[in-house]
């Protein structure tokens, strides 16, 4: 589990190496890049919980659906918490 909430992060690329990560919380940061998120999620094979509430990317069209599709590509069922309803 990693909680980086409230750190004003605009990128999580440096966290890609945490391949054993199962829970990731990044509430209230500045994450906005869906392509970067997809790339990083591709390295987190064991991720089961993801909370990105309060980030600009949460306001994108079909944000939750896109994240679920990314997680399914990993062969895991990822629970996306605190999503913004479109």
PDB file of N, CA and C in Angstrom:
ATOM      1  N   UNK A   1       0.839  -1.174   0.000  1.00  0.00           N
ATOM      2  CA  UNK A   1       0.000   0.000   0.000  1.00  0.00           C
ATOM      3  C   UNK A   1       0.887   1.240   0.000  1.00  0.00           C
ATOM      4  N   UNK A   2       0.493   2.183  -0.843  1.00  0.00           N
ATOM      5  CA  UNK A   2       1.211   3.457  -0.875  1.00  0.00           C
ATOM      6  C   UNK A   2       0.196   4.577  -0.880  1.00  0.00           C
ATOM      7  N   UNK A   3       0.363   5.519   0.039  1.00  0.00           N
ATOM      8  CA  UNK A   3      -0.514   6.683   0.125  1.00  0.00           C
ATOM      9  C   UNK A   3       0.333   7.936  -0.105  1.00  0.00           C
ATOM     10  N   UNK A   4       0.117   8.585  -1.253  1.00  0.00           N
ATOM     11  CA  UNK A   4       0.837   9.815  -1.587  1.00  0.00           C
ATOM     12  C   UNK A   4      -0.145  10.988  -1.677  1.00  0.00           C
ATOM     13  N   UNK A   5      -1.234  10.890  -0.964  1.00  0.00           N
ATOM     14  CA  UNK A   5      -2.284  11.906  -1.013  1.00  0.00           C
ATOM     15  C   UNK A   5      -1.791  13.255  -0.525  1.00  0.00           C
ATOM     16  N   UNK A   6      -2.301  14.305  -1.178  1.00  0.00           N
ATOM     17  CA  UNK A   6      -2.022  15.666  -0.745  1.00  0.00           C
ATOM     18  C   UNK A   6      -0.599  16.130  -0.934  1.00  0.00           C
ATOM     19  N   UNK A   7       0.123  15.573  -1.888  1.00  0.00           N
ATOM     20  CA  UNK A   7       1.515  15.946  -2.112  1.00  0.00           C
ATOM     21  C   UNK A   7       1.727  16.803  -3.356  1.00  0.00           C
ATOM     22  N   UNK A   8       0.640  17.268  -3.974  1.00  0.00           N
ATOM     23  CA  UNK A   8       0.720  18.132  -5.146  1.00  0.00           C
ATOM     24  C   UNK A   8       1.468  17.469  -6.308  1.00  0.00           C
ATOM     25  N   UNK A   9       1.384  16.144  -6.410  1.00  0.00           N
ATOM     26  CA  UNK A   9       2.070  15.404  -7.472  1.00  0.00           C
ATOM     27  C   UNK A   9       1.381  15.634  -8.807  1.00  0.00           C
ATOM     28  N   UNK A  10       2.175  15.845  -9.852  1.00  0.00           N
ATOM     29  CA  UNK A  10       1.611  15.939 -11.198  1.00  0.00           C
ATOM     30  C   UNK A  10       2.060  14.768 -12.064  1.00  0.00           C
ATOM     31  N   UNK A  11       2.825  13.853 -11.478  1.00  0.00           N
ATOM     32  CA  UNK A  11       3.298  12.678 -12.194  1.00  0.00           C
ATOM     33  C   UNK A  11       3.540  11.540 -11.210  1.00  0.00           C
ATOM     34  N   UNK A  12       3.272  10.312 -11.682  1.00  0.00           N
ATOM     35  CA  UNK A  12       3.574   9.124 -10.867  1.00  0.00           C
ATOM     36  C   UNK A  12       4.533   8.192 -11.604  1.00  0.00           C
ATOM     37  N   UNK A  13       5.143   8.687 -12.645  1.00  0.00           N
ATOM     38  CA  UNK A  13       6.064   7.882 -13.449  1.00  0.00           C
ATOM     39  C   UNK A  13       7.171   7.254 -12.609  1.00  0.00           C
ATOM     40  N   UNK A  14       7.708   7.993 -11.654  1.00  0.00           N
ATOM     41  CA  UNK A  14       8.796   7.471 -10.825  1.00  0.00           C
ATOM     42  C   UNK A  14       8.362   6.320  -9.930  1.00  0.00           C
ATOM     43  N   UNK A  15       7.059   6.111  -9.779  1.00  0.00           N
ATOM     44  CA  UNK A  15       6.539   5.035  -8.931  1.00  0.00           C
ATOM     45  C   UNK A  15       6.314   3.741  -9.706  1.00  0.00           C
ATOM     46  N   UNK A  16       6.532   3.781 -10.995  1.00  0.00           N
ATOM     47  CA  UNK A  16       6.310   2.628 -11.862  1.00  0.00           C
ATOM     48  C   UNK A  16       7.079   1.385 -11.402  1.00  0.00           C
ATOM     49  N   UNK A  17       8.212   1.581 -10.799  1.00  0.00           N
ATOM     50  CA  UNK A  17       9.065   0.465 -10.364  1.00  0.00           C
ATOM     51  C   UNK A  17       8.479  -0.313  -9.184  1.00  0.00           C
ATOM     52  N   UNK A  18       7.413   0.183  -8.582  1.00  0.00           N
ATOM     53  CA  UNK A  18       6.801  -0.482  -7.433  1.00  0.00           C
ATOM     54  C   UNK A  18       5.841  -1.577  -7.913  1.00  0.00           C
ATOM     55  N   UNK A  19       6.400  -2.584  -8.526  1.00  0.00           N
ATOM     56  CA  UNK A  19       5.615  -3.597  -9.234  1.00  0.00           C
ATOM     57  C   UNK A  19       4.778  -4.493  -8.321  1.00  0.00           C
ATOM     58  N   UNK A  20       5.046  -4.514  -7.032  1.00  0.00           N
ATOM     59  CA  UNK A  20       4.287  -5.342  -6.097  1.00  0.00           C
ATOM     60  C   UNK A  20       3.141  -4.586  -5.423  1.00  0.00           C
ATOM     61  N   UNK A  21       2.928  -3.359  -5.829  1.00  0.00           N
ATOM     62  CA  UNK A  21       1.927  -2.497  -5.207  1.00  0.00           C
ATOM     63  C   UNK A  21       0.520  -3.068  -5.358  1.00  0.00           C
ATOM     64  N   UNK A  22      -0.226  -3.119  -4.252  1.00  0.00           N
ATOM     65  CA  UNK A  22      -1.592  -3.649  -4.297  1.00  0.00           C
ATOM     66  C   UNK A  22      -2.643  -2.562  -4.071  1.00  0.00           C
ATOM     67  N   UNK A  23      -2.314  -1.535  -3.308  1.00  0.00           N
ATOM     68  CA  UNK A  23      -3.226  -0.418  -3.059  1.00  0.00           C
ATOM     69  C   UNK A  23      -2.479   0.885  -3.326  1.00  0.00           C
ATOM     70  N   UNK A  24      -3.122   1.788  -4.054  1.00  0.00           N
ATOM     71  CA  UNK A  24      -2.496   3.079  -4.337  1.00  0.00           C
ATOM     72  C   UNK A  24      -3.500   4.188  -4.098  1.00  0.00           C
ATOM     73  N   UNK A  25      -3.137   5.109  -3.221  1.00  0.00           N
ATOM     74  CA  UNK A  25      -3.977   6.260  -2.906  1.00  0.00           C
ATOM     75  C   UNK A  25      -3.205   7.523  -3.263  1.00  0.00           C
ATOM     76  N   UNK A  26      -3.797   8.318  -4.138  1.00  0.00           N
ATOM     77  CA  UNK A  26      -3.173   9.583  -4.555  1.00  0.00           C
ATOM     78  C   UNK A  26      -4.238  10.675  -4.588  1.00  0.00           C
ATOM     79  N   UNK A  27      -4.949  10.821  -3.484  1.00  0.00           N
ATOM     80  CA  UNK A  27      -6.043  11.789  -3.366  1.00  0.00           C
ATOM     81  C   UNK A  27      -5.476  13.202  -3.329  1.00  0.00           C
ATOM     82  N   UNK A  28      -6.206  14.139  -3.967  1.00  0.00           N
ATOM     83  CA  UNK A  28      -5.875  15.569  -3.913  1.00  0.00           C
ATOM     84  C   UNK A  28      -4.454  15.886  -4.358  1.00  0.00           C
ATOM     85  N   UNK A  29      -4.111  15.423  -5.544  1.00  0.00           N
ATOM     86  CA  UNK A  29      -2.858  15.797  -6.187  1.00  0.00           C
ATOM     87  C   UNK A  29      -3.190  16.535  -7.477  1.00  0.00           C
ATOM     88  N   UNK A  30      -2.277  16.586  -8.414  1.00  0.00           N
ATOM     89  CA  UNK A  30      -2.473  17.297  -9.678  1.00  0.00           C
ATOM     90  C   UNK A  30      -2.336  16.360 -10.877  1.00  0.00           C
ATOM     91  N   UNK A  31      -2.698  15.096 -10.714  1.00  0.00           N
ATOM     92  CA  UNK A  31      -2.561  14.115 -11.782  1.00  0.00           C
ATOM     93  C   UNK A  31      -3.573  14.405 -12.886  1.00  0.00           C
ATOM     94  N   UNK A  32      -3.075  14.493 -14.129  1.00  0.00           N
ATOM     95  CA  UNK A  32      -3.927  14.892 -15.248  1.00  0.00           C
ATOM     96  C   UNK A  32      -3.695  14.074 -16.512  1.00  0.00           C
ATOM     97  N   UNK A  33      -2.707  13.216 -16.535  1.00  0.00           N
ATOM     98  CA  UNK A  33      -2.297  12.533 -17.759  1.00  0.00           C
ATOM     99  C   UNK A  33      -2.784  11.080 -17.766  1.00  0.00           C
ATOM    100  N   UNK A  34      -3.837  10.808 -18.552  1.00  0.00           N
ATOM    101  CA  UNK A  34      -4.390   9.459 -18.629  1.00  0.00           C
ATOM    102  C   UNK A  34      -3.404   8.481 -19.276  1.00  0.00           C
ATOM    103  N   UNK A  35      -2.618   8.942 -20.244  1.00  0.00           N
ATOM    104  CA  UNK A  35      -1.641   8.064 -20.890  1.00  0.00           C
ATOM    105  C   UNK A  35      -0.577   7.622 -19.899  1.00  0.00           C
ATOM    106  N   UNK A  36      -0.127   8.559 -19.072  1.00  0.00           N
ATOM    107  CA  UNK A  36       0.859   8.200 -18.043  1.00  0.00           C
ATOM    108  C   UNK A  36       0.255   7.205 -17.067  1.00  0.00           C
ATOM    109  N   UNK A  37      -0.977   7.446 -16.651  1.00  0.00           N
ATOM    110  CA  UNK A  37      -1.636   6.526 -15.728  1.00  0.00           C
ATOM    111  C   UNK A  37      -1.722   5.131 -16.333  1.00  0.00           C
ATOM    112  N   UNK A  38      -2.100   5.048 -17.598  1.00  0.00           N
ATOM    113  CA  UNK A  38      -2.193   3.753 -18.276  1.00  0.00           C
ATOM    114  C   UNK A  38      -0.843   3.051 -18.291  1.00  0.00           C
ATOM    115  N   UNK A  39       0.204   3.799 -18.567  1.00  0.00           N
ATOM    116  CA  UNK A  39       1.548   3.217 -18.615  1.00  0.00           C
ATOM    117  C   UNK A  39       1.956   2.672 -17.244  1.00  0.00           C
ATOM    118  N   UNK A  40       1.722   3.456 -16.197  1.00  0.00           N
ATOM    119  CA  UNK A  40       2.105   3.035 -14.845  1.00  0.00           C
ATOM    120  C   UNK A  40       1.253   1.846 -14.399  1.00  0.00           C
ATOM    121  N   UNK A  41      -0.046   1.894 -14.662  1.00  0.00           N
ATOM    122  CA  UNK A  41      -0.910   0.765 -14.295  1.00  0.00           C
ATOM    123  C   UNK A  41      -0.457  -0.522 -14.980  1.00  0.00           C
ATOM    124  N   UNK A  42       0.137  -0.385 -16.137  1.00  0.00           N
ATOM    125  CA  UNK A  42       0.654  -1.550 -16.850  1.00  0.00           C
ATOM    126  C   UNK A  42       1.783  -2.246 -16.126  1.00  0.00           C
ATOM    127  N   UNK A  43       2.409  -1.573 -15.174  1.00  0.00           N
ATOM    128  CA  UNK A  43       3.499  -2.164 -14.383  1.00  0.00           C
ATOM    129  C   UNK A  43       3.032  -2.683 -13.034  1.00  0.00           C
ATOM    130  N   UNK A  44       1.840  -2.284 -12.636  1.00  0.00           N
ATOM    131  CA  UNK A  44       1.328  -2.669 -11.321  1.00  0.00           C
ATOM    132  C   UNK A  44       0.384  -3.863 -11.459  1.00  0.00           C
ATOM    133  N   UNK A  45       0.943  -5.023 -11.627  1.00  0.00           N
ATOM    134  CA  UNK A  45       0.182  -6.243 -11.881  1.00  0.00           C
ATOM    135  C   UNK A  45      -0.679  -6.685 -10.705  1.00  0.00           C
ATOM    136  N   UNK A  46      -0.335  -6.288  -9.496  1.00  0.00           N
ATOM    137  CA  UNK A  46      -1.045  -6.744  -8.311  1.00  0.00           C
ATOM    138  C   UNK A  46      -1.999  -5.700  -7.745  1.00  0.00           C
ATOM    139  N   UNK A  47      -2.179  -4.597  -8.432  1.00  0.00           N
ATOM    140  CA  UNK A  47      -3.035  -3.510  -7.953  1.00  0.00           C
ATOM    141  C   UNK A  47      -4.487  -3.966  -7.868  1.00  0.00           C
ATOM    142  N   UNK A  48      -5.092  -3.785  -6.693  1.00  0.00           N
ATOM    143  CA  UNK A  48      -6.502  -4.123  -6.504  1.00  0.00           C
ATOM    144  C   UNK A  48      -7.336  -2.929  -6.057  1.00  0.00           C
ATOM    145  N   UNK A  49      -6.698  -1.904  -5.539  1.00  0.00           N
ATOM    146  CA  UNK A  49      -7.435  -0.697  -5.115  1.00  0.00           C
ATOM    147  C   UNK A  49      -6.700   0.541  -5.594  1.00  0.00           C
ATOM    148  N   UNK A  50      -7.493   1.475  -6.096  1.00  0.00           N
ATOM    149  CA  UNK A  50      -6.940   2.713  -6.643  1.00  0.00           C
ATOM    150  C   UNK A  50      -7.857   3.858  -6.258  1.00  0.00           C
ATOM    151  N   UNK A  51      -7.321   4.900  -5.640  1.00  0.00           N
ATOM    152  CA  UNK A  51      -8.105   6.066  -5.249  1.00  0.00           C
ATOM    153  C   UNK A  51      -7.399   7.318  -5.743  1.00  0.00           C
ATOM    154  N   UNK A  52      -8.010   7.986  -6.707  1.00  0.00           N
ATOM    155  CA  UNK A  52      -7.438   9.191  -7.312  1.00  0.00           C
ATOM    156  C   UNK A  52      -8.341  10.406  -7.131  1.00  0.00           C
ATOM    157  N   UNK A  53      -9.258  10.356  -6.188  1.00  0.00           N
ATOM    158  CA  UNK A  53     -10.197  11.455  -5.958  1.00  0.00           C
ATOM    159  C   UNK A  53      -9.462  12.790  -5.808  1.00  0.00           C
ATOM    160  N   UNK A  54     -10.038  13.833  -6.371  1.00  0.00           N
ATOM    161  CA  UNK A  54      -9.468  15.163  -6.208  1.00  0.00           C
ATOM    162  C   UNK A  54      -8.355  15.504  -7.175  1.00  0.00           C
ATOM    163  N   UNK A  55      -8.171  14.697  -8.204  1.00  0.00           N
ATOM    164  CA  UNK A  55      -7.180  14.982  -9.242  1.00  0.00           C
ATOM    165  C   UNK A  55      -7.897  15.468 -10.502  1.00  0.00           C
ATOM    166  N   UNK A  56      -7.265  16.348 -11.277  1.00  0.00           N
ATOM    167  CA  UNK A  56      -7.901  16.847 -12.498  1.00  0.00           C
ATOM    168  C   UNK A  56      -8.339  15.741 -13.456  1.00  0.00           C
ATOM    169  N   UNK A  57      -7.617  14.632 -13.532  1.00  0.00           N
ATOM    170  CA  UNK A  57      -8.004  13.577 -14.477  1.00  0.00           C
ATOM    171  C   UNK A  57      -9.343  12.939 -14.117  1.00  0.00           C
ATOM    172  N   UNK A  58      -9.782  13.082 -12.878  1.00  0.00           N
ATOM    173  CA  UNK A  58     -11.080  12.534 -12.471  1.00  0.00           C
ATOM    174  C   UNK A  58     -12.249  13.237 -13.153  1.00  0.00           C
ATOM    175  N   UNK A  59     -12.012  14.418 -13.662  1.00  0.00           N
ATOM    176  CA  UNK A  59     -13.070  15.191 -14.302  1.00  0.00           C
ATOM    177  C   UNK A  59     -13.169  14.929 -15.797  1.00  0.00           C
ATOM    178  N   UNK A  60     -12.319  14.090 -16.314  1.00  0.00           N
ATOM    179  CA  UNK A  60     -12.350  13.758 -17.742  1.00  0.00           C
ATOM    180  C   UNK A  60     -13.537  12.857 -18.058  1.00  0.00           C
ATOM    181  N   UNK A  61     -14.000  12.963 -19.276  1.00  0.00           N
ATOM    182  CA  UNK A  61     -15.124  12.145 -19.717  1.00  0.00           C
ATOM    183  C   UNK A  61     -14.789  10.667 -19.570  1.00  0.00           C
ATOM    184  N   UNK A  62     -15.713   9.935 -18.978  1.00  0.00           N
ATOM    185  CA  UNK A  62     -15.592   8.480 -18.816  1.00  0.00           C
ATOM    186  C   UNK A  62     -14.320   8.061 -18.080  1.00  0.00           C
ATOM    187  N   UNK A  63     -13.860   8.886 -17.175  1.00  0.00           N
ATOM    188  CA  UNK A  63     -12.651   8.599 -16.390  1.00  0.00           C
ATOM    189  C   UNK A  63     -12.701   7.211 -15.748  1.00  0.00           C
ATOM    190  N   UNK A  64     -13.778   6.939 -15.010  1.00  0.00           N
ATOM    191  CA  UNK A  64     -13.862   5.675 -14.284  1.00  0.00           C
ATOM    192  C   UNK A  64     -13.855   4.492 -15.247  1.00  0.00           C
ATOM    193  N   UNK A  65     -14.616   4.584 -16.314  1.00  0.00           N
ATOM    194  CA  UNK A  65     -14.655   3.500 -17.302  1.00  0.00           C
ATOM    195  C   UNK A  65     -13.278   3.244 -17.901  1.00  0.00           C
ATOM    196  N   UNK A  66     -12.563   4.309 -18.212  1.00  0.00           N
ATOM    197  CA  UNK A  66     -11.236   4.167 -18.810  1.00  0.00           C
ATOM    198  C   UNK A  66     -10.264   3.491 -17.845  1.00  0.00           C
ATOM    199  N   UNK A  67     -10.326   3.858 -16.572  1.00  0.00           N
ATOM    200  CA  UNK A  67      -9.427   3.256 -15.579  1.00  0.00           C
ATOM    201  C   UNK A  67      -9.752   1.773 -15.404  1.00  0.00           C
ATOM    202  N   UNK A  68     -11.031   1.430 -15.385  1.00  0.00           N
ATOM    203  CA  UNK A  68     -11.416   0.024 -15.247  1.00  0.00           C
ATOM    204  C   UNK A  68     -10.913  -0.788 -16.435  1.00  0.00           C
ATOM    205  N   UNK A  69     -11.015  -0.237 -17.635  1.00  0.00           N
ATOM    206  CA  UNK A  69     -10.503  -0.926 -18.820  1.00  0.00           C
ATOM    207  C   UNK A  69      -8.993  -1.127 -18.700  1.00  0.00           C
ATOM    208  N   UNK A  70      -8.276  -0.113 -18.230  1.00  0.00           N
ATOM    209  CA  UNK A  70      -6.825  -0.235 -18.049  1.00  0.00           C
ATOM    210  C   UNK A  70      -6.508  -1.360 -17.074  1.00  0.00           C
ATOM    211  N   UNK A  71      -7.254  -1.433 -15.981  1.00  0.00           N
ATOM    212  CA  UNK A  71      -7.008  -2.454 -14.973  1.00  0.00           C
ATOM    213  C   UNK A  71      -7.323  -3.840 -15.524  1.00  0.00           C
ATOM    214  N   UNK A  72      -8.364  -3.965 -16.327  1.00  0.00           N
ATOM    215  CA  UNK A  72      -8.716  -5.263 -16.891  1.00  0.00           C
ATOM    216  C   UNK A  72      -7.641  -5.764 -17.843  1.00  0.00           C
ATOM    217  N   UNK A  73      -6.948  -4.869 -18.485  1.00  0.00           N
ATOM    218  CA  UNK A  73      -5.842  -5.269 -19.354  1.00  0.00           C
ATOM    219  C   UNK A  73      -4.763  -5.980 -18.557  1.00  0.00           C
ATOM    220  N   UNK A  74      -4.704  -5.688 -17.280  1.00  0.00           N
ATOM    221  CA  UNK A  74      -3.719  -6.334 -16.413  1.00  0.00           C
ATOM    222  C   UNK A  74      -4.184  -7.711 -15.971  1.00  0.00           C
ATOM    223  N   UNK A  75      -5.418  -8.038 -16.258  1.00  0.00           N
ATOM    224  CA  UNK A  75      -5.956  -9.316 -15.815  1.00  0.00           C
ATOM    225  C   UNK A  75      -6.392  -9.288 -14.368  1.00  0.00           C
ATOM    226  N   UNK A  76      -6.567  -8.114 -13.811  1.00  0.00           N
ATOM    227  CA  UNK A  76      -6.987  -7.948 -12.427  1.00  0.00           C
ATOM    228  C   UNK A  76      -8.288  -7.168 -12.390  1.00  0.00           C
ATOM    229  N   UNK A  77      -9.031  -7.348 -11.332  1.00  0.00           N
ATOM    230  CA  UNK A  77     -10.225  -6.543 -11.101  1.00  0.00           C
ATOM    231  C   UNK A  77      -9.816  -5.444 -10.136  1.00  0.00           C
ATOM    232  N   UNK A  78      -9.681  -4.258 -10.643  1.00  0.00           N
ATOM    233  CA  UNK A  78      -9.218  -3.134  -9.836  1.00  0.00           C
ATOM    234  C   UNK A  78     -10.427  -2.343  -9.335  1.00  0.00           C
ATOM    235  N   UNK A  79     -10.501  -2.135  -8.051  1.00  0.00           N
ATOM    236  CA  UNK A  79     -11.584  -1.369  -7.448  1.00  0.00           C
ATOM    237  C   UNK A  79     -11.187   0.105  -7.459  1.00  0.00           C
ATOM    238  N   UNK A  80     -11.926   0.912  -8.214  1.00  0.00           N
ATOM    239  CA  UNK A  80     -11.655   2.340  -8.319  1.00  0.00           C
ATOM    240  C   UNK A  80     -12.539   3.047  -7.311  1.00  0.00           C
ATOM    241  N   UNK A  81     -11.923   3.660  -6.321  1.00  0.00           N
ATOM    242  CA  UNK A  81     -12.651   4.336  -5.253  1.00  0.00           C
ATOM    243  C   UNK A  81     -12.869   5.811  -5.562  1.00  0.00           C
ATOM    244  N   UNK A  82     -13.931   6.344  -5.005  1.00  0.00           N
ATOM    245  CA  UNK A  82     -14.184   7.784  -5.036  1.00  0.00           C
ATOM    246  C   UNK A  82     -14.115   8.387  -6.420  1.00  0.00           C
ATOM    247  N   UNK A  83     -14.759   7.773  -7.366  1.00  0.00           N
ATOM    248  CA  UNK A  83     -14.756   8.306  -8.718  1.00  0.00           C
ATOM    249  C   UNK A  83     -15.758   9.446  -8.825  1.00  0.00           C
ATOM    250  N   UNK A  84     -15.555  10.299  -9.819  1.00  0.00           N
ATOM    251  CA  UNK A  84     -16.465  11.390 -10.119  1.00  0.00           C
ATOM    252  C   UNK A  84     -17.534  10.844 -11.057  1.00  0.00           C
ATOM    253  N   UNK A  85     -18.778  11.052 -10.747  1.00  0.00           N
ATOM    254  CA  UNK A  85     -19.855  10.593 -11.619  1.00  0.00           C
ATOM    255  C   UNK A  85     -19.971  11.533 -12.799  1.00  0.00           C
ATOM    256  N   UNK A  86     -20.016  10.971 -14.017  1.00  0.00           N
ATOM    257  CA  UNK A  86     -20.161  11.776 -15.231  1.00  0.00           C
ATOM    258  C   UNK A  86     -21.611  11.956 -15.579  1.00  0.00           C
TER     259      UNK A  86
END
